[in-house]
Amino acid sequence: MTIDRDTILDEIRQKRANEDWLDRHRSELRRRYPNRYVAVLHEEVVGVEKDFPPLLARLRKECPDTSPSIAAIDFLSEPAFVWVL
């Protein structure tokens, strides 16, 4: 299997777009899915799980024609409280 330069650049662009979308919606997603792994593809949430392995398996099953490597995946922990004394 040969991967050409254009394919690699396209996957990098897609990964960046997914990461940017997740960053722009992080606060909203953190409220909706606290302490969960969230996967974003094509600027939409495509999976939410408590643990990473089931999320990866879900991506591979539900998006078989898309490499999971272009998904933006992040654990959205509840915000930590900062105490100022």
N, C-alpha and C. Protein backbone atom coordinates (compact mmCIF):
# COMPACT_ATOMS: atom_id res chain seq x y z
N MET A 1 0.84 -1.18 0.00
CA MET A 1 0.00 0.00 0.00
C MET A 1 0.89 1.24 0.00
N THR A 2 0.68 2.11 -0.95
CA THR A 2 1.44 3.34 -1.06
C THR A 2 0.56 4.51 -0.66
N ILE A 3 1.11 5.35 0.19
CA ILE A 3 0.39 6.55 0.60
C ILE A 3 1.13 7.74 0.01
N ASP A 4 0.40 8.54 -0.72
CA ASP A 4 1.06 9.68 -1.36
C ASP A 4 1.00 10.93 -0.48
N ARG A 5 1.77 11.89 -0.88
CA ARG A 5 1.89 13.16 -0.15
C ARG A 5 0.54 13.85 0.03
N ASP A 6 -0.28 13.88 -1.02
CA ASP A 6 -1.59 14.55 -0.94
C ASP A 6 -2.50 13.88 0.08
N THR A 7 -2.45 12.56 0.14
CA THR A 7 -3.27 11.84 1.11
C THR A 7 -2.84 12.18 2.53
N ILE A 8 -1.55 12.21 2.75
CA ILE A 8 -1.03 12.55 4.08
C ILE A 8 -1.43 13.96 4.47
N LEU A 9 -1.26 14.91 3.56
CA LEU A 9 -1.63 16.30 3.86
C LEU A 9 -3.12 16.44 4.11
N ASP A 10 -3.94 15.71 3.38
CA ASP A 10 -5.38 15.75 3.59
C ASP A 10 -5.75 15.21 4.97
N GLU A 11 -5.11 14.13 5.39
CA GLU A 11 -5.38 13.57 6.71
C GLU A 11 -4.94 14.52 7.82
N ILE A 12 -3.83 15.21 7.60
CA ILE A 12 -3.37 16.19 8.57
C ILE A 12 -4.38 17.34 8.68
N ARG A 13 -4.89 17.80 7.55
CA ARG A 13 -5.90 18.87 7.56
C ARG A 13 -7.17 18.43 8.29
N GLN A 14 -7.60 17.20 8.02
CA GLN A 14 -8.81 16.68 8.68
C GLN A 14 -8.59 16.58 10.19
N LYS A 15 -7.43 16.07 10.59
CA LYS A 15 -7.13 15.94 12.02
C LYS A 15 -7.16 17.32 12.67
N ARG A 16 -6.54 18.30 12.02
CA ARG A 16 -6.50 19.66 12.56
C ARG A 16 -7.91 20.26 12.68
N ALA A 17 -8.75 20.04 11.66
CA ALA A 17 -10.12 20.56 11.69
C ALA A 17 -10.90 19.93 12.84
N ASN A 18 -10.71 18.63 13.06
CA ASN A 18 -11.40 17.96 14.17
C ASN A 18 -10.91 18.48 15.52
N GLU A 19 -9.59 18.67 15.64
CA GLU A 19 -9.01 19.20 16.88
C GLU A 19 -9.51 20.63 17.15
N ASP A 20 -9.55 21.44 16.10
CA ASP A 20 -10.03 22.82 16.25
C ASP A 20 -11.49 22.84 16.69
N TRP A 21 -12.31 21.99 16.09
CA TRP A 21 -13.74 21.94 16.44
C TRP A 21 -13.89 21.53 17.90
N LEU A 22 -13.15 20.50 18.31
CA LEU A 22 -13.23 20.05 19.69
C LEU A 22 -12.80 21.17 20.64
N ASP A 23 -11.74 21.87 20.30
CA ASP A 23 -11.28 22.99 21.15
C ASP A 23 -12.33 24.08 21.26
N ARG A 24 -12.99 24.41 20.15
CA ARG A 24 -14.02 25.46 20.17
C ARG A 24 -15.24 25.06 20.99
N HIS A 25 -15.52 23.77 21.09
CA HIS A 25 -16.71 23.29 21.78
C HIS A 25 -16.40 22.59 23.10
N ARG A 26 -15.15 22.72 23.55
CA ARG A 26 -14.70 21.98 24.73
C ARG A 26 -15.57 22.23 25.97
N SER A 27 -15.92 23.47 26.25
CA SER A 27 -16.71 23.78 27.46
C SER A 27 -18.07 23.11 27.40
N GLU A 28 -18.72 23.23 26.26
CA GLU A 28 -20.04 22.60 26.08
C GLU A 28 -19.93 21.08 26.19
N LEU A 29 -18.94 20.51 25.55
CA LEU A 29 -18.77 19.06 25.58
C LEU A 29 -18.43 18.57 26.98
N ARG A 30 -17.64 19.35 27.71
CA ARG A 30 -17.28 18.97 29.08
C ARG A 30 -18.53 18.93 29.97
N ARG A 31 -19.46 19.87 29.74
CA ARG A 31 -20.71 19.86 30.51
C ARG A 31 -21.58 18.65 30.14
N ARG A 32 -21.62 18.32 28.85
CA ARG A 32 -22.46 17.21 28.39
C ARG A 32 -21.87 15.84 28.69
N TYR A 33 -20.53 15.75 28.64
CA TYR A 33 -19.86 14.45 28.78
C TYR A 33 -18.73 14.52 29.80
N PRO A 34 -19.04 14.86 31.06
CA PRO A 34 -17.95 14.99 32.04
C PRO A 34 -17.28 13.64 32.30
N ASN A 35 -15.96 13.70 32.40
CA ASN A 35 -15.15 12.52 32.71
C ASN A 35 -15.37 11.38 31.71
N ARG A 36 -15.44 11.76 30.45
CA ARG A 36 -15.61 10.79 29.36
C ARG A 36 -14.61 11.10 28.25
N TYR A 37 -14.26 10.06 27.50
CA TYR A 37 -13.51 10.26 26.26
C TYR A 37 -14.51 10.61 25.17
N VAL A 38 -14.17 11.61 24.37
CA VAL A 38 -15.04 12.06 23.29
C VAL A 38 -14.23 12.00 21.99
N ALA A 39 -14.86 11.46 20.94
CA ALA A 39 -14.23 11.40 19.62
C ALA A 39 -15.02 12.29 18.66
N VAL A 40 -14.28 13.09 17.89
CA VAL A 40 -14.87 14.01 16.92
C VAL A 40 -14.32 13.68 15.54
N LEU A 41 -15.22 13.50 14.58
CA LEU A 41 -14.87 13.31 13.18
C LEU A 41 -15.76 14.21 12.35
N HIS A 42 -15.20 14.86 11.38
CA HIS A 42 -15.96 15.73 10.47
C HIS A 42 -16.80 16.74 11.25
N GLU A 43 -16.18 17.26 12.30
CA GLU A 43 -16.77 18.31 13.13
C GLU A 43 -18.09 17.90 13.79
N GLU A 44 -18.14 16.63 14.21
CA GLU A 44 -19.27 16.17 15.02
C GLU A 44 -18.81 15.06 15.95
N VAL A 45 -19.48 14.96 17.08
CA VAL A 45 -19.17 13.92 18.05
C VAL A 45 -19.67 12.59 17.48
N VAL A 46 -18.75 11.62 17.40
CA VAL A 46 -19.11 10.31 16.85
C VAL A 46 -19.00 9.20 17.89
N GLY A 47 -18.52 9.54 19.07
CA GLY A 47 -18.43 8.52 20.11
C GLY A 47 -18.09 9.12 21.45
N VAL A 48 -18.67 8.52 22.50
CA VAL A 48 -18.41 8.94 23.88
C VAL A 48 -18.35 7.66 24.71
N GLU A 49 -17.28 7.51 25.47
CA GLU A 49 -17.10 6.33 26.33
C GLU A 49 -16.35 6.71 27.59
N LYS A 50 -16.51 5.89 28.63
CA LYS A 50 -15.76 6.10 29.87
C LYS A 50 -14.29 5.71 29.72
N ASP A 51 -14.04 4.73 28.86
CA ASP A 51 -12.68 4.22 28.68
C ASP A 51 -12.27 4.32 27.22
N PHE A 52 -10.95 4.46 27.00
CA PHE A 52 -10.44 4.65 25.66
C PHE A 52 -10.59 3.42 24.75
N PRO A 53 -10.24 2.21 25.19
CA PRO A 53 -10.32 1.06 24.27
C PRO A 53 -11.71 0.84 23.66
N PRO A 54 -12.80 0.94 24.44
CA PRO A 54 -14.12 0.79 23.81
C PRO A 54 -14.42 1.90 22.79
N LEU A 55 -13.92 3.10 23.05
CA LEU A 55 -14.14 4.19 22.11
C LEU A 55 -13.41 3.91 20.80
N LEU A 56 -12.19 3.46 20.88
CA LEU A 56 -11.43 3.13 19.68
C LEU A 56 -12.09 1.99 18.91
N ALA A 57 -12.56 0.97 19.61
CA ALA A 57 -13.27 -0.14 18.96
C ALA A 57 -14.53 0.35 18.27
N ARG A 58 -15.24 1.25 18.91
CA ARG A 58 -16.46 1.81 18.33
C ARG A 58 -16.16 2.59 17.05
N LEU A 59 -15.09 3.40 17.09
CA LEU A 59 -14.71 4.15 15.90
C LEU A 59 -14.38 3.21 14.74
N ARG A 60 -13.63 2.17 15.04
CA ARG A 60 -13.24 1.22 13.99
C ARG A 60 -14.46 0.50 13.41
N LYS A 61 -15.44 0.23 14.25
CA LYS A 61 -16.64 -0.48 13.79
C LYS A 61 -17.58 0.44 13.03
N GLU A 62 -17.84 1.63 13.56
CA GLU A 62 -18.84 2.53 12.98
C GLU A 62 -18.31 3.40 11.85
N CYS A 63 -17.00 3.53 11.76
CA CYS A 63 -16.37 4.34 10.70
C CYS A 63 -15.26 3.53 10.03
N PRO A 64 -15.59 2.41 9.42
CA PRO A 64 -14.55 1.51 8.91
C PRO A 64 -13.71 2.10 7.78
N ASP A 65 -14.23 3.07 7.06
CA ASP A 65 -13.49 3.67 5.95
C ASP A 65 -12.66 4.88 6.36
N THR A 66 -12.66 5.19 7.65
CA THR A 66 -11.94 6.36 8.15
C THR A 66 -10.92 5.91 9.19
N SER A 67 -9.71 6.37 9.05
CA SER A 67 -8.67 6.05 10.03
C SER A 67 -8.97 6.74 11.36
N PRO A 68 -8.95 6.00 12.46
CA PRO A 68 -9.17 6.65 13.76
C PRO A 68 -8.13 7.72 14.07
N SER A 69 -7.01 7.68 13.37
CA SER A 69 -5.94 8.65 13.64
C SER A 69 -6.32 10.07 13.26
N ILE A 70 -7.34 10.25 12.42
CA ILE A 70 -7.74 11.62 12.08
C ILE A 70 -8.81 12.17 13.02
N ALA A 71 -9.31 11.32 13.90
CA ALA A 71 -10.30 11.77 14.88
C ALA A 71 -9.61 12.58 15.96
N ALA A 72 -10.32 13.56 16.47
CA ALA A 72 -9.87 14.27 17.66
C ALA A 72 -10.46 13.52 18.84
N ILE A 73 -9.62 13.01 19.70
CA ILE A 73 -10.07 12.26 20.87
C ILE A 73 -9.45 12.88 22.10
N ASP A 74 -10.32 13.16 23.08
CA ASP A 74 -9.81 13.78 24.30
C ASP A 74 -10.65 13.31 25.48
N PHE A 75 -10.02 13.27 26.65
CA PHE A 75 -10.72 12.97 27.89
C PHE A 75 -11.14 14.31 28.48
N LEU A 76 -12.44 14.48 28.68
CA LEU A 76 -12.98 15.76 29.15
C LEU A 76 -13.26 15.68 30.64
N SER A 77 -12.21 15.90 31.41
CA SER A 77 -12.36 15.84 32.86
C SER A 77 -13.16 17.04 33.34
N GLU A 78 -13.85 16.82 34.45
CA GLU A 78 -14.56 17.93 35.07
C GLU A 78 -13.53 18.97 35.49
N PRO A 79 -13.91 20.23 35.38
CA PRO A 79 -12.93 21.26 35.76
C PRO A 79 -12.53 21.12 37.23
N ALA A 80 -11.26 21.30 37.47
CA ALA A 80 -10.76 21.26 38.85
C ALA A 80 -11.05 22.60 39.51
N PHE A 81 -11.36 22.54 40.76
CA PHE A 81 -11.57 23.76 41.52
C PHE A 81 -10.22 24.33 41.94
N VAL A 82 -10.09 25.62 41.84
CA VAL A 82 -8.88 26.28 42.27
C VAL A 82 -9.24 27.13 43.48
N TRP A 83 -8.58 26.84 44.58
CA TRP A 83 -8.85 27.58 45.80
C TRP A 83 -7.85 28.71 45.92
N VAL A 84 -8.37 29.89 46.12
CA VAL A 84 -7.51 31.07 46.33
C VAL A 84 -7.70 31.50 47.77
N LEU A 85 -6.61 31.49 48.51
CA LEU A 85 -6.68 31.83 49.94
C LEU A 85 -6.06 33.16 50.19
